[in-house]
Protein backbone atom coordinates (compact mmCIF):
# COMPACT_ATOMS: atom_id res chain seq x y z
CA MET A 1 -44.45 60.18 13.73
CA ALA A 2 -44.58 63.70 12.64
CA ASN A 3 -48.62 63.98 11.81
CA PRO A 4 -50.23 61.61 14.39
CA LEU A 5 -53.70 60.62 13.47
CA ARG A 6 -56.67 60.61 15.63
CA ILE A 7 -58.24 57.06 15.08
CA PHE A 8 -61.73 55.93 16.13
CA VAL A 9 -61.52 52.12 16.88
CA VAL A 10 -65.18 50.01 16.98
CA GLU A 11 -64.15 46.50 17.82
CA ASP A 12 -66.53 44.12 19.84
CA GLU A 13 -63.63 41.84 21.34
CA MET A 14 -62.01 43.23 24.19
CA MET A 15 -58.65 41.83 23.69
CA ILE A 16 -58.35 42.79 20.04
CA ALA A 17 -59.50 46.27 20.72
CA MET A 18 -56.75 46.67 23.70
CA LEU A 19 -54.15 45.15 20.90
CA LEU A 20 -55.13 47.63 18.56
CA GLU A 21 -54.98 50.54 20.67
CA ASP A 22 -51.21 49.15 21.62
CA MET A 23 -50.12 48.95 18.03
CA LEU A 24 -51.87 52.19 17.19
CA ALA A 25 -49.87 53.93 19.98
CA ASP A 26 -46.48 52.28 19.20
CA LEU A 27 -47.05 53.68 15.71
CA GLY A 28 -47.47 57.11 17.25
CA HIS A 29 -51.17 57.71 16.48
CA ARG A 30 -53.95 58.73 19.03
CA VAL A 31 -56.88 56.55 19.77
CA ALA A 32 -59.76 59.11 19.69
CA GLY A 33 -62.00 56.52 21.19
CA VAL A 34 -63.19 53.06 21.34
CA ALA A 35 -66.66 51.43 21.01
CA MET A 36 -67.64 47.80 21.30
CA ARG A 37 -71.18 47.58 20.58
CA LEU A 38 -73.42 49.03 17.70
CA PRO A 39 -75.73 51.47 20.01
CA GLN A 40 -72.45 52.84 21.68
CA ALA A 41 -70.54 53.22 18.40
CA LEU A 42 -73.34 55.11 16.89
CA GLU A 43 -73.55 57.49 19.53
CA MET A 44 -69.84 58.02 19.78
CA ALA A 45 -69.39 58.27 15.81
CA LYS A 46 -71.49 61.60 16.03
CA ALA A 47 -69.50 63.19 18.74
CA THR A 48 -66.07 61.88 18.38
CA GLU A 49 -63.44 63.64 16.11
CA ALA A 50 -61.35 61.46 14.22
CA ASP A 51 -59.29 61.33 10.92
CA ILE A 52 -59.70 57.60 10.37
CA ALA A 53 -61.95 54.91 11.89
CA ILE A 54 -60.88 51.25 12.03
CA LEU A 55 -64.25 49.09 12.23
CA ASP A 56 -64.78 45.72 12.64
CA ILE A 57 -67.63 44.81 10.37
CA ASN A 58 -69.37 42.20 12.63
CA LEU A 59 -70.19 43.79 16.14
CA ASP A 60 -71.64 40.98 18.16
CA GLY A 61 -73.84 39.69 15.16
CA ARG A 62 -74.60 43.14 13.83
CA LYS A 63 -72.99 44.97 11.00
CA SER A 64 -71.16 48.32 11.56
CA PHE A 65 -72.16 50.00 8.48
CA PRO A 66 -74.85 52.69 10.03
CA VAL A 67 -71.55 53.61 11.98
CA ALA A 68 -69.71 53.79 8.81
CA GLY A 69 -72.35 55.87 7.22
CA VAL A 70 -72.28 58.55 9.96
CA LEU A 71 -68.30 58.67 10.06
CA ARG A 72 -68.17 58.98 6.29
CA ASP A 73 -70.63 61.86 6.18
CA LYS A 74 -68.44 63.53 8.63
CA GLY A 75 -65.26 63.10 6.12
CA VAL A 76 -63.78 60.42 8.65
CA LYS A 77 -61.65 57.97 6.27
CA LEU A 78 -62.62 54.04 6.98
CA ILE A 79 -60.92 50.99 7.53
CA PHE A 80 -62.88 47.77 7.85
CA ALA A 81 -61.46 44.95 10.00
CA SER A 82 -62.50 41.67 9.25
CA GLY A 83 -61.58 37.98 9.36
CA TYR A 84 -63.63 37.30 5.74
CA GLY A 85 -61.63 40.19 4.01
CA SER A 86 -63.29 42.10 1.35
CA PRO A 87 -66.32 39.63 0.83
CA GLY A 88 -67.58 41.02 4.18
CA LEU A 89 -68.23 44.46 2.85
CA GLU A 90 -71.54 45.72 1.41
CA GLU A 91 -72.59 48.43 -0.67
CA PRO A 92 -71.83 51.56 -0.41
CA PHE A 93 -68.60 50.51 1.15
CA LEU A 94 -67.13 48.02 -1.43
CA ASP A 95 -64.26 50.30 -2.29
CA GLU A 96 -63.06 50.84 1.34
CA ILE A 97 -59.73 49.54 2.67
CA ILE A 98 -60.02 46.17 4.35
CA LEU A 99 -57.88 45.08 7.33
CA LYS A 100 -57.84 41.20 7.29
CA LYS A 101 -57.64 39.79 10.68
CA PRO A 102 -55.39 38.54 12.38
CA PHE A 103 -53.30 41.44 11.43
CA GLU A 104 -49.83 42.75 12.43
CA PRO A 105 -48.50 46.33 13.16
CA ASP A 106 -47.22 46.66 9.60
CA ASP A 107 -50.83 45.73 8.15
CA ILE A 108 -52.04 48.57 10.33
CA ARG A 109 -49.46 50.99 9.39
CA LEU A 110 -50.02 50.34 5.56
CA ALA A 111 -53.64 50.93 6.03
CA LEU A 112 -53.68 53.51 7.78
CA ALA A 113 -50.93 55.25 4.97
CA ARG A 114 -53.48 54.39 2.39
CA ALA A 115 -56.38 55.85 4.13
CA ALA A 116 -54.48 58.92 5.06
CA GLY A 117 -53.50 59.45 1.21
């Protein structure tokens, strides 16, 4: 890929996080960081330099929207991952890109292309 993106991954299921890391690497992108719990994700969101974040909406029973707010304020583009699809989104994130689980590499590629504009 000519312009690899820096992707911050927030996912509470280790196997999905590892799969996502592999898919992103295969697509030519760099994983800027991986967080699995809300407190860790909030801290990393403040410090991590990323172009796009892929956030699981439900992190061990807690919503990732506070992390999304920090990232959005920094200008990071957002992609939400959810088994529920767009009904899992809440204000003010209703217009963000949704990546429905389970996803394939092509789904990720398309979502990243949309987010990158």
